[in-house]
Amino acid sequence: PPMNVWRTAGMPALLASAALGFTGFALLLPTAPMWAVRLGTDSFGAGLVNAVLMACTVVAQLLVGRLMRRVGWAVTLAIGLVLLGAPALVHMFAETLWAVLLLAALRGFGFGILTVCGVDGIAGLVPQEHRGRAVGAYGLAIAGPQFLLVPVAPWLAEQVSFDLVFLLAGAPLLGVPLVLMFGSPIPRPATRPRDHVVATR
């Protein structure tokens, strides 16, 4: 029978943490450059914000495997969520372009960790023959916040306040307790489809 991936052990927590992580990402994707402009930078400086974010995302994706092997999957993902959520709150106190760029770099590292750990988590929690459904559920969890919040964030910033957006963008921090409940699962490699149980150290 088809597997209900929404109820598979560990998947609700993984999907929720991914949704919270992408909520923080989506809220600041348009708003952080706007904040840089509010601080007095030009369009080039504003463009640098997301350029730094994405550059650090790529670097993190290249290095996250090493971190996972050292501290485990759950702790690595928790670190990523902290790096994504905590700098969002600090934007309230950022008063220079350099500060905004530093926060963008930290968020980029966090986002890179989140993207890699999310996919690896599916590989560890769901048997290979059901991973198509799991990937679909994961895609919905991460696309929903982006679809809704990327266009809403600038309106909230201008019509309500930037501080509200920064506060809401701290949402990834709420995912930290969820992923730490996993203990230290190690996702199974795709070459071992018969292993259905997440290994623990």
N, C-alpha and C. Protein backbone atom coordinates (compact mmCIF):
# COMPACT_ATOMS: atom_id res chain seq x y z
N PRO A 1 0.84 -1.21 0.00
CA PRO A 1 0.00 0.00 0.00
C PRO A 1 0.87 1.25 0.00
N PRO A 2 0.34 2.38 -0.54
CA PRO A 2 1.12 3.62 -0.54
C PRO A 2 1.44 4.06 0.88
N MET A 3 2.62 4.56 1.03
CA MET A 3 3.08 5.00 2.35
C MET A 3 2.64 6.45 2.59
N ASN A 4 2.11 6.73 3.78
CA ASN A 4 1.74 8.09 4.14
C ASN A 4 2.98 8.79 4.69
N VAL A 5 3.69 9.50 3.80
CA VAL A 5 4.95 10.10 4.23
C VAL A 5 4.75 11.22 5.24
N TRP A 6 3.53 11.77 5.28
CA TRP A 6 3.26 12.84 6.24
C TRP A 6 3.26 12.31 7.67
N ARG A 7 3.05 10.99 7.83
CA ARG A 7 3.00 10.40 9.16
C ARG A 7 4.20 9.51 9.46
N THR A 8 5.11 9.41 8.53
CA THR A 8 6.30 8.61 8.75
C THR A 8 7.10 9.20 9.91
N ALA A 9 7.61 8.35 10.77
CA ALA A 9 8.36 8.83 11.94
C ALA A 9 9.46 9.80 11.52
N GLY A 10 9.43 10.97 12.11
CA GLY A 10 10.43 11.97 11.84
C GLY A 10 10.07 12.96 10.75
N MET A 11 9.22 12.55 9.80
CA MET A 11 8.90 13.43 8.68
C MET A 11 8.14 14.69 9.09
N PRO A 12 7.14 14.62 9.99
CA PRO A 12 6.47 15.86 10.38
C PRO A 12 7.44 16.91 10.94
N ALA A 13 8.38 16.44 11.77
CA ALA A 13 9.36 17.38 12.34
C ALA A 13 10.27 17.93 11.26
N LEU A 14 10.68 17.07 10.32
CA LEU A 14 11.54 17.53 9.23
C LEU A 14 10.82 18.54 8.35
N LEU A 15 9.58 18.24 7.99
CA LEU A 15 8.81 19.15 7.14
C LEU A 15 8.53 20.47 7.84
N ALA A 16 8.22 20.42 9.13
CA ALA A 16 7.96 21.65 9.88
C ALA A 16 9.21 22.50 9.99
N SER A 17 10.35 21.87 10.28
CA SER A 17 11.59 22.64 10.41
C SER A 17 12.00 23.23 9.07
N ALA A 18 11.77 22.49 7.98
CA ALA A 18 12.07 23.01 6.66
C ALA A 18 11.18 24.20 6.33
N ALA A 19 9.88 24.09 6.65
CA ALA A 19 8.96 25.19 6.39
C ALA A 19 9.34 26.43 7.20
N LEU A 20 9.73 26.23 8.45
CA LEU A 20 10.15 27.36 9.28
C LEU A 20 11.43 27.99 8.74
N GLY A 21 12.36 27.14 8.30
CA GLY A 21 13.60 27.65 7.74
C GLY A 21 13.36 28.48 6.49
N PHE A 22 12.52 27.97 5.60
CA PHE A 22 12.24 28.69 4.36
C PHE A 22 11.36 29.92 4.60
N THR A 23 10.63 29.92 5.71
CA THR A 23 9.88 31.13 6.08
C THR A 23 10.85 32.28 6.35
N GLY A 24 11.89 32.00 7.15
CA GLY A 24 12.89 33.02 7.42
C GLY A 24 13.60 33.46 6.17
N PHE A 25 13.93 32.51 5.30
CA PHE A 25 14.61 32.84 4.05
C PHE A 25 13.74 33.71 3.17
N ALA A 26 12.46 33.33 2.99
CA ALA A 26 11.57 34.04 2.08
C ALA A 26 11.28 35.46 2.55
N LEU A 27 11.12 35.64 3.85
CA LEU A 27 10.80 36.98 4.37
C LEU A 27 11.92 37.98 4.13
N LEU A 28 13.16 37.53 4.22
CA LEU A 28 14.28 38.47 4.09
C LEU A 28 14.85 38.56 2.69
N LEU A 29 14.48 37.63 1.81
CA LEU A 29 15.02 37.68 0.45
C LEU A 29 14.76 39.03 -0.22
N PRO A 30 13.54 39.57 -0.14
CA PRO A 30 13.33 40.93 -0.69
C PRO A 30 13.57 42.04 0.32
N THR A 31 13.46 41.72 1.61
CA THR A 31 13.45 42.78 2.63
C THR A 31 14.85 43.22 3.06
N ALA A 32 15.80 42.30 3.12
CA ALA A 32 17.15 42.68 3.53
C ALA A 32 17.78 43.71 2.58
N PRO A 33 17.65 43.54 1.25
CA PRO A 33 18.14 44.61 0.36
C PRO A 33 17.40 45.93 0.55
N MET A 34 16.10 45.85 0.82
CA MET A 34 15.34 47.08 1.10
C MET A 34 15.86 47.78 2.35
N TRP A 35 16.24 46.99 3.35
CA TRP A 35 16.78 47.56 4.57
C TRP A 35 18.12 48.25 4.31
N ALA A 36 18.92 47.63 3.43
CA ALA A 36 20.20 48.26 3.06
C ALA A 36 19.96 49.61 2.41
N VAL A 37 18.97 49.69 1.55
CA VAL A 37 18.62 50.97 0.92
C VAL A 37 18.14 51.96 1.97
N ARG A 38 17.35 51.49 2.91
CA ARG A 38 16.86 52.35 3.98
C ARG A 38 18.03 52.93 4.78
N LEU A 39 19.12 52.18 4.88
CA LEU A 39 20.30 52.65 5.62
C LEU A 39 21.15 53.61 4.80
N GLY A 40 20.81 53.79 3.51
CA GLY A 40 21.50 54.78 2.71
C GLY A 40 22.39 54.25 1.61
N THR A 41 22.42 52.93 1.40
CA THR A 41 23.26 52.38 0.35
C THR A 41 22.61 52.57 -1.02
N ASP A 42 23.41 52.41 -2.06
CA ASP A 42 22.88 52.52 -3.42
C ASP A 42 22.40 51.17 -3.92
N SER A 43 21.97 51.13 -5.18
CA SER A 43 21.42 49.89 -5.73
C SER A 43 22.48 48.79 -5.80
N PHE A 44 23.74 49.17 -6.02
CA PHE A 44 24.80 48.17 -6.06
C PHE A 44 24.96 47.50 -4.70
N GLY A 45 24.97 48.31 -3.66
CA GLY A 45 25.06 47.77 -2.31
C GLY A 45 23.88 46.89 -1.96
N ALA A 46 22.69 47.30 -2.39
CA ALA A 46 21.50 46.49 -2.14
C ALA A 46 21.60 45.15 -2.87
N GLY A 47 22.12 45.17 -4.09
CA GLY A 47 22.28 43.95 -4.85
C GLY A 47 23.29 43.00 -4.23
N LEU A 48 24.28 43.57 -3.55
CA LEU A 48 25.30 42.74 -2.91
C LEU A 48 24.73 41.85 -1.81
N VAL A 49 23.65 42.31 -1.20
CA VAL A 49 23.11 41.58 -0.05
C VAL A 49 22.76 40.14 -0.43
N ASN A 50 21.94 39.98 -1.46
CA ASN A 50 21.55 38.63 -1.85
C ASN A 50 22.65 37.92 -2.61
N ALA A 51 23.57 38.67 -3.22
CA ALA A 51 24.72 38.03 -3.87
C ALA A 51 25.60 37.34 -2.82
N VAL A 52 25.83 38.03 -1.71
CA VAL A 52 26.61 37.43 -0.62
C VAL A 52 25.86 36.25 -0.03
N LEU A 53 24.55 36.40 0.13
CA LEU A 53 23.72 35.31 0.66
C LEU A 53 23.89 34.04 -0.17
N MET A 54 23.77 34.17 -1.48
CA MET A 54 23.82 32.99 -2.33
C MET A 54 25.23 32.43 -2.45
N ALA A 55 26.23 33.30 -2.44
CA ALA A 55 27.62 32.82 -2.50
C ALA A 55 27.94 31.97 -1.26
N CYS A 56 27.52 32.43 -0.11
CA CYS A 56 27.76 31.68 1.13
C CYS A 56 26.92 30.42 1.19
N THR A 57 25.76 30.43 0.55
CA THR A 57 24.95 29.22 0.46
C THR A 57 25.70 28.13 -0.28
N VAL A 58 26.33 28.49 -1.40
CA VAL A 58 27.07 27.52 -2.19
C VAL A 58 28.27 26.98 -1.40
N VAL A 59 28.98 27.87 -0.71
CA VAL A 59 30.13 27.44 0.09
C VAL A 59 29.69 26.46 1.17
N ALA A 60 28.58 26.78 1.84
CA ALA A 60 28.08 25.90 2.91
C ALA A 60 27.69 24.54 2.36
N GLN A 61 27.08 24.52 1.19
CA GLN A 61 26.67 23.25 0.59
C GLN A 61 27.87 22.35 0.31
N LEU A 62 29.00 22.97 -0.01
CA LEU A 62 30.20 22.20 -0.29
C LEU A 62 30.84 21.64 0.98
N LEU A 63 30.61 22.31 2.11
CA LEU A 63 31.30 21.95 3.35
C LEU A 63 30.44 21.20 4.35
N VAL A 64 29.12 21.19 4.13
CA VAL A 64 28.22 20.69 5.17
C VAL A 64 28.41 19.19 5.42
N GLY A 65 28.82 18.45 4.42
CA GLY A 65 29.04 17.01 4.62
C GLY A 65 30.09 16.75 5.69
N ARG A 66 31.13 17.56 5.69
CA ARG A 66 32.19 17.41 6.68
C ARG A 66 31.65 17.69 8.09
N LEU A 67 30.83 18.73 8.20
CA LEU A 67 30.25 19.07 9.49
C LEU A 67 29.31 17.96 9.96
N MET A 68 28.53 17.39 9.03
CA MET A 68 27.61 16.33 9.40
C MET A 68 28.33 15.11 9.94
N ARG A 69 29.44 14.78 9.32
CA ARG A 69 30.20 13.62 9.80
C ARG A 69 30.79 13.87 11.18
N ARG A 70 31.05 15.12 11.50
CA ARG A 70 31.68 15.44 12.78
C ARG A 70 30.66 15.51 13.92
N VAL A 71 29.54 16.17 13.71
CA VAL A 71 28.59 16.40 14.81
C VAL A 71 27.24 15.72 14.62
N GLY A 72 27.02 15.08 13.47
CA GLY A 72 25.75 14.41 13.24
C GLY A 72 24.76 15.27 12.47
N TRP A 73 23.77 14.59 11.92
CA TRP A 73 22.79 15.26 11.06
C TRP A 73 21.92 16.26 11.83
N ALA A 74 21.40 15.84 12.97
CA ALA A 74 20.47 16.69 13.71
C ALA A 74 21.14 17.97 14.20
N VAL A 75 22.32 17.84 14.77
CA VAL A 75 23.03 19.02 15.27
C VAL A 75 23.40 19.95 14.11
N THR A 76 23.81 19.36 12.99
CA THR A 76 24.15 20.17 11.82
C THR A 76 22.95 20.98 11.35
N LEU A 77 21.79 20.33 11.25
CA LEU A 77 20.59 21.04 10.83
C LEU A 77 20.21 22.11 11.84
N ALA A 78 20.35 21.81 13.12
CA ALA A 78 20.05 22.81 14.16
C ALA A 78 20.96 24.03 14.01
N ILE A 79 22.23 23.80 13.72
CA ILE A 79 23.16 24.91 13.50
C ILE A 79 22.70 25.74 12.31
N GLY A 80 22.28 25.06 11.25
CA GLY A 80 21.80 25.78 10.08
C GLY A 80 20.60 26.65 10.39
N LEU A 81 19.66 26.13 11.16
CA LEU A 81 18.47 26.90 11.51
C LEU A 81 18.83 28.10 12.39
N VAL A 82 19.79 27.94 13.29
CA VAL A 82 20.23 29.07 14.13
C VAL A 82 20.89 30.14 13.26
N LEU A 83 21.75 29.71 12.33
CA LEU A 83 22.43 30.67 11.46
C LEU A 83 21.44 31.39 10.54
N LEU A 84 20.35 30.74 10.24
CA LEU A 84 19.34 31.35 9.38
C LEU A 84 18.41 32.28 10.15
N GLY A 85 18.09 31.89 11.39
CA GLY A 85 17.10 32.65 12.15
C GLY A 85 17.65 33.76 13.02
N ALA A 86 18.76 33.50 13.72
CA ALA A 86 19.30 34.50 14.65
C ALA A 86 19.72 35.80 13.95
N PRO A 87 20.43 35.74 12.81
CA PRO A 87 20.81 36.99 12.14
C PRO A 87 19.61 37.81 11.68
N ALA A 88 18.48 37.14 11.43
CA ALA A 88 17.28 37.88 11.04
C ALA A 88 16.87 38.85 12.13
N LEU A 89 16.93 38.39 13.38
CA LEU A 89 16.56 39.25 14.50
C LEU A 89 17.55 40.40 14.69
N VAL A 90 18.82 40.12 14.39
CA VAL A 90 19.87 41.14 14.59
C VAL A 90 19.74 42.28 13.58
N HIS A 91 19.00 42.06 12.49
CA HIS A 91 18.80 43.14 11.52
C HIS A 91 18.21 44.39 12.18
N MET A 92 17.48 44.19 13.26
CA MET A 92 16.89 45.35 13.95
C MET A 92 17.96 46.33 14.41
N PHE A 93 19.18 45.81 14.63
CA PHE A 93 20.26 46.65 15.17
C PHE A 93 21.34 46.95 14.13
N ALA A 94 21.16 46.44 12.90
CA ALA A 94 22.15 46.68 11.85
C ALA A 94 21.99 48.09 11.31
N GLU A 95 23.08 48.85 11.33
CA GLU A 95 23.00 50.26 10.93
C GLU A 95 23.93 50.61 9.78
N THR A 96 24.65 49.62 9.25
CA THR A 96 25.55 49.87 8.11
C THR A 96 25.37 48.76 7.09
N LEU A 97 25.80 49.03 5.85
CA LEU A 97 25.75 48.02 4.82
C LEU A 97 26.62 46.82 5.19
N TRP A 98 27.78 47.09 5.78
CA TRP A 98 28.68 45.99 6.15
C TRP A 98 28.01 45.05 7.15
N ALA A 99 27.25 45.61 8.06
CA ALA A 99 26.53 44.77 9.03
C ALA A 99 25.49 43.90 8.32
N VAL A 100 24.77 44.49 7.37
CA VAL A 100 23.76 43.74 6.63
C VAL A 100 24.42 42.65 5.80
N LEU A 101 25.58 42.93 5.22
CA LEU A 101 26.29 41.92 4.43
C LEU A 101 26.79 40.78 5.31
N LEU A 102 27.26 41.11 6.49
CA LEU A 102 27.70 40.06 7.41
C LEU A 102 26.53 39.15 7.79
N LEU A 103 25.38 39.76 8.07
CA LEU A 103 24.20 38.97 8.41
C LEU A 103 23.75 38.13 7.22
N ALA A 104 23.88 38.68 6.01
CA ALA A 104 23.53 37.92 4.81
C ALA A 104 24.45 36.70 4.67
N ALA A 105 25.73 36.88 4.98
CA ALA A 105 26.68 35.77 4.89
C ALA A 105 26.30 34.67 5.87
N LEU A 106 25.98 35.03 7.09
CA LEU A 106 25.59 34.04 8.10
C LEU A 106 24.31 33.32 7.68
N ARG A 107 23.35 34.07 7.16
CA ARG A 107 22.11 33.45 6.70
C ARG A 107 22.36 32.54 5.51
N GLY A 108 23.30 32.92 4.66
CA GLY A 108 23.65 32.07 3.53
C GLY A 108 24.22 30.73 3.98
N PHE A 109 25.11 30.77 4.97
CA PHE A 109 25.64 29.51 5.51
C PHE A 109 24.51 28.66 6.09
N GLY A 110 23.61 29.30 6.82
CA GLY A 110 22.49 28.57 7.39
C GLY A 110 21.58 27.98 6.34
N PHE A 111 21.32 28.74 5.29
CA PHE A 111 20.44 28.26 4.23
C PHE A 111 21.08 27.10 3.47
N GLY A 112 22.38 27.19 3.24
CA GLY A 112 23.08 26.09 2.58
C GLY A 112 23.00 24.81 3.38
N ILE A 113 23.17 24.92 4.69
CA ILE A 113 23.06 23.74 5.56
C ILE A 113 21.65 23.17 5.50
N LEU A 114 20.65 24.05 5.56
CA LEU A 114 19.26 23.60 5.54
C LEU A 114 18.94 22.84 4.26
N THR A 115 19.37 23.34 3.12
CA THR A 115 19.03 22.70 1.85
C THR A 115 19.64 21.31 1.76
N VAL A 116 20.87 21.15 2.21
CA VAL A 116 21.51 19.84 2.14
C VAL A 116 20.92 18.88 3.16
N CYS A 117 20.74 19.34 4.39
CA CYS A 117 20.23 18.46 5.45
C CYS A 117 18.79 18.03 5.18
N GLY A 118 18.01 18.90 4.57
CA GLY A 118 16.63 18.53 4.27
C GLY A 118 16.56 17.33 3.35
N VAL A 119 17.33 17.38 2.27
CA VAL A 119 17.34 16.28 1.31
C VAL A 119 17.92 15.01 1.94
N ASP A 120 19.00 15.15 2.69
CA ASP A 120 19.60 13.98 3.35
C ASP A 120 18.65 13.39 4.39
N GLY A 121 17.88 14.24 5.03
CA GLY A 121 16.92 13.75 6.02
C GLY A 121 15.88 12.85 5.38
N ILE A 122 15.39 13.24 4.20
CA ILE A 122 14.43 12.40 3.49
C ILE A 122 15.05 11.05 3.17
N ALA A 123 16.29 11.07 2.73
CA ALA A 123 16.98 9.82 2.39
C ALA A 123 17.10 8.91 3.60
N GLY A 124 17.22 9.50 4.79
CA GLY A 124 17.37 8.71 5.99
C GLY A 124 16.08 8.23 6.61
N LEU A 125 15.01 8.98 6.36
CA LEU A 125 13.74 8.67 7.03
C LEU A 125 12.79 7.82 6.19
N VAL A 126 12.95 7.87 4.89
CA VAL A 126 11.96 7.25 4.00
C VAL A 126 12.65 6.21 3.10
N PRO A 127 12.09 5.00 3.02
CA PRO A 127 12.65 3.99 2.12
C PRO A 127 12.68 4.50 0.68
N GLN A 128 13.61 4.01 -0.09
CA GLN A 128 13.85 4.53 -1.44
C GLN A 128 12.60 4.47 -2.30
N GLU A 129 11.80 3.40 -2.17
CA GLU A 129 10.64 3.25 -3.05
C GLU A 129 9.54 4.26 -2.75
N HIS A 130 9.61 4.95 -1.62
CA HIS A 130 8.60 5.95 -1.28
C HIS A 130 9.15 7.38 -1.30
N ARG A 131 10.38 7.54 -1.73
CA ARG A 131 11.00 8.87 -1.64
C ARG A 131 10.39 9.89 -2.59
N GLY A 132 9.78 9.41 -3.68
CA GLY A 132 9.12 10.36 -4.58
C GLY A 132 8.03 11.13 -3.87
N ARG A 133 7.22 10.41 -3.09
CA ARG A 133 6.16 11.06 -2.31
C ARG A 133 6.77 12.00 -1.26
N ALA A 134 7.84 11.53 -0.64
CA ALA A 134 8.47 12.35 0.40
C ALA A 134 9.04 13.64 -0.18
N VAL A 135 9.66 13.53 -1.34
CA VAL A 135 10.21 14.73 -1.99
C VAL A 135 9.09 15.69 -2.36
N GLY A 136 7.95 15.14 -2.79
CA GLY A 136 6.81 16.00 -3.10
C GLY A 136 6.31 16.74 -1.88
N ALA A 137 6.22 16.03 -0.75
CA ALA A 137 5.79 16.68 0.50
C ALA A 137 6.78 17.74 0.93
N TYR A 138 8.07 17.42 0.79
CA TYR A 138 9.11 18.38 1.16
C TYR A 138 9.05 19.61 0.25
N GLY A 139 8.84 19.38 -1.04
CA GLY A 139 8.72 20.50 -1.97
C GLY A 139 7.57 21.42 -1.61
N LEU A 140 6.45 20.84 -1.20
CA LEU A 140 5.31 21.65 -0.78
C LEU A 140 5.63 22.46 0.46
N ALA A 141 6.34 21.83 1.41
CA ALA A 141 6.69 22.50 2.66
C ALA A 141 7.60 23.70 2.44
N ILE A 142 8.47 23.62 1.44
CA ILE A 142 9.41 24.73 1.22
C ILE A 142 8.89 25.73 0.19
N ALA A 143 8.01 25.29 -0.71
CA ALA A 143 7.50 26.21 -1.73
C ALA A 143 6.40 27.11 -1.17
N GLY A 144 5.60 26.56 -0.24
CA GLY A 144 4.51 27.35 0.32
C GLY A 144 4.96 28.66 0.93
N PRO A 145 5.94 28.65 1.86
CA PRO A 145 6.40 29.91 2.44
C PRO A 145 6.95 30.88 1.40
N GLN A 146 7.65 30.37 0.40
CA GLN A 146 8.22 31.27 -0.60
C GLN A 146 7.12 31.90 -1.45
N PHE A 147 6.15 31.09 -1.86
CA PHE A 147 5.06 31.59 -2.68
C PHE A 147 4.27 32.67 -1.96
N LEU A 148 4.04 32.47 -0.67
CA LEU A 148 3.21 33.40 0.10
C LEU A 148 3.99 34.61 0.59
N LEU A 149 5.22 34.40 1.06
CA LEU A 149 5.90 35.43 1.84
C LEU A 149 6.82 36.34 1.04
N VAL A 150 7.39 35.85 -0.06
CA VAL A 150 8.27 36.73 -0.85
C VAL A 150 7.52 37.98 -1.33
N PRO A 151 6.29 37.86 -1.83
CA PRO A 151 5.58 39.09 -2.22
C PRO A 151 5.00 39.87 -1.05
N VAL A 152 4.70 39.18 0.05
CA VAL A 152 4.07 39.85 1.20
C VAL A 152 5.09 40.63 2.04
N ALA A 153 6.31 40.13 2.12
CA ALA A 153 7.32 40.74 3.00
C ALA A 153 7.57 42.22 2.71
N PRO A 154 7.77 42.64 1.46
CA PRO A 154 7.99 44.08 1.23
C PRO A 154 6.80 44.93 1.66
N TRP A 155 5.60 44.42 1.44
CA TRP A 155 4.41 45.17 1.85
C TRP A 155 4.38 45.32 3.37
N LEU A 156 4.66 44.23 4.08
CA LEU A 156 4.69 44.30 5.54
C LEU A 156 5.74 45.30 6.02
N ALA A 157 6.91 45.27 5.39
CA ALA A 157 7.99 46.16 5.82
C ALA A 157 7.60 47.62 5.63
N GLU A 158 6.99 47.93 4.50
CA GLU A 158 6.67 49.33 4.19
C GLU A 158 5.40 49.81 4.87
N GLN A 159 4.41 48.92 5.00
CA GLN A 159 3.12 49.35 5.54
C GLN A 159 3.01 49.16 7.04
N VAL A 160 3.76 48.21 7.58
CA VAL A 160 3.71 47.98 9.03
C VAL A 160 5.06 48.38 9.64
N SER A 161 6.06 47.51 9.54
CA SER A 161 7.40 47.86 10.01
C SER A 161 8.40 46.81 9.60
N PHE A 162 9.63 47.26 9.40
CA PHE A 162 10.71 46.31 9.13
C PHE A 162 10.94 45.41 10.34
N ASP A 163 10.81 45.95 11.53
CA ASP A 163 11.06 45.15 12.73
C ASP A 163 10.13 43.95 12.81
N LEU A 164 8.89 44.10 12.37
CA LEU A 164 7.96 42.98 12.37
C LEU A 164 8.46 41.88 11.43
N VAL A 165 8.93 42.28 10.26
CA VAL A 165 9.45 41.29 9.31
C VAL A 165 10.67 40.59 9.89
N PHE A 166 11.56 41.35 10.51
CA PHE A 166 12.76 40.75 11.10
C PHE A 166 12.38 39.78 12.21
N LEU A 167 11.38 40.14 13.00
CA LEU A 167 10.94 39.26 14.07
C LEU A 167 10.35 37.96 13.51
N LEU A 168 9.51 38.08 12.51
CA LEU A 168 8.91 36.90 11.89
C LEU A 168 9.96 36.03 11.20
N ALA A 169 11.00 36.69 10.68
CA ALA A 169 12.05 35.96 9.97
C ALA A 169 12.94 35.17 10.93
N GLY A 170 12.74 35.34 12.21
CA GLY A 170 13.44 34.51 13.18
C GLY A 170 12.78 33.14 13.34
N ALA A 171 11.78 32.85 12.52
CA ALA A 171 11.03 31.59 12.60
C ALA A 171 11.90 30.34 12.56
N PRO A 172 13.02 30.31 11.81
CA PRO A 172 13.84 29.08 11.82
C PRO A 172 14.26 28.64 13.21
N LEU A 173 14.39 29.56 14.14
CA LEU A 173 14.79 29.19 15.50
C LEU A 173 13.77 28.26 16.15
N LEU A 174 12.51 28.38 15.74
CA LEU A 174 11.47 27.52 16.30
C LEU A 174 11.64 26.07 15.86
N GLY A 175 12.39 25.87 14.79
CA GLY A 175 12.62 24.51 14.31
C GLY A 175 13.72 23.78 15.04
N VAL A 176 14.54 24.49 15.80
CA VAL A 176 15.68 23.86 16.47
C VAL A 176 15.24 22.75 17.43
N PRO A 177 14.27 22.99 18.32
CA PRO A 177 13.85 21.89 19.22
C PRO A 177 13.31 20.70 18.44
N LEU A 178 12.66 20.94 17.31
CA LEU A 178 12.10 19.84 16.52
C LEU A 178 13.19 18.91 16.01
N VAL A 179 14.26 19.49 15.48
CA VAL A 179 15.30 18.63 14.89
C VAL A 179 16.17 17.99 15.97
N LEU A 180 16.33 18.65 17.11
CA LEU A 180 17.14 18.06 18.17
C LEU A 180 16.45 16.85 18.80
N MET A 181 15.16 16.72 18.60
CA MET A 181 14.45 15.54 19.10
C MET A 181 14.85 14.27 18.35
N PHE A 182 15.48 14.44 17.18
CA PHE A 182 15.90 13.29 16.41
C PHE A 182 17.03 12.53 17.09
N GLY A 183 17.74 13.17 18.01
CA GLY A 183 18.96 12.58 18.53
C GLY A 183 20.06 12.82 17.51
N SER A 184 20.60 11.76 16.93
CA SER A 184 21.64 11.93 15.93
C SER A 184 21.48 10.94 14.79
N PRO A 185 20.40 11.06 14.02
CA PRO A 185 20.21 10.11 12.92
C PRO A 185 21.21 10.36 11.81
N ILE A 186 21.63 9.28 11.19
CA ILE A 186 22.55 9.37 10.05
C ILE A 186 21.80 8.89 8.82
N PRO A 187 21.48 9.75 7.87
CA PRO A 187 20.73 9.31 6.70
C PRO A 187 21.43 8.17 5.97
N ARG A 188 20.65 7.21 5.53
CA ARG A 188 21.19 6.08 4.78
C ARG A 188 21.55 6.52 3.37
N PRO A 189 22.61 6.01 2.81
CA PRO A 189 22.91 6.30 1.40
C PRO A 189 21.89 5.64 0.50
N ALA A 190 21.70 6.20 -0.69
CA ALA A 190 20.69 5.70 -1.62
C ALA A 190 20.99 4.30 -2.10
N THR A 191 22.20 3.83 -1.92
CA THR A 191 22.58 2.50 -2.39
C THR A 191 22.12 1.40 -1.45
N ARG A 192 21.47 1.77 -0.36
CA ARG A 192 21.01 0.76 0.59
C ARG A 192 19.50 0.90 0.80
N PRO A 193 18.69 0.65 -0.22
CA PRO A 193 17.25 0.89 -0.14
C PRO A 193 16.53 -0.01 0.84
N ARG A 194 17.14 -1.13 1.24
CA ARG A 194 16.45 -2.06 2.14
C ARG A 194 16.47 -1.61 3.58
N ASP A 195 17.34 -0.63 3.89
CA ASP A 195 17.42 -0.16 5.26
C ASP A 195 16.33 0.87 5.50
N HIS A 196 15.37 0.53 6.33
CA HIS A 196 14.22 1.41 6.55
C HIS A 196 14.34 2.21 7.83
N VAL A 197 15.29 1.88 8.66
CA VAL A 197 15.37 2.52 9.96
C VAL A 197 16.55 3.47 9.97
N VAL A 198 16.36 4.67 10.47
CA VAL A 198 17.44 5.64 10.54
C VAL A 198 18.46 5.16 11.56
N ALA A 199 19.70 5.12 11.16
CA ALA A 199 20.74 4.67 12.07
C ALA A 199 21.04 5.74 13.09
N THR A 200 21.47 5.30 14.26
CA THR A 200 21.90 6.25 15.28
C THR A 200 23.28 5.85 15.74
N ARG A 201 23.98 6.83 16.21
CA ARG A 201 25.34 6.56 16.68
C ARG A 201 25.28 5.72 17.95
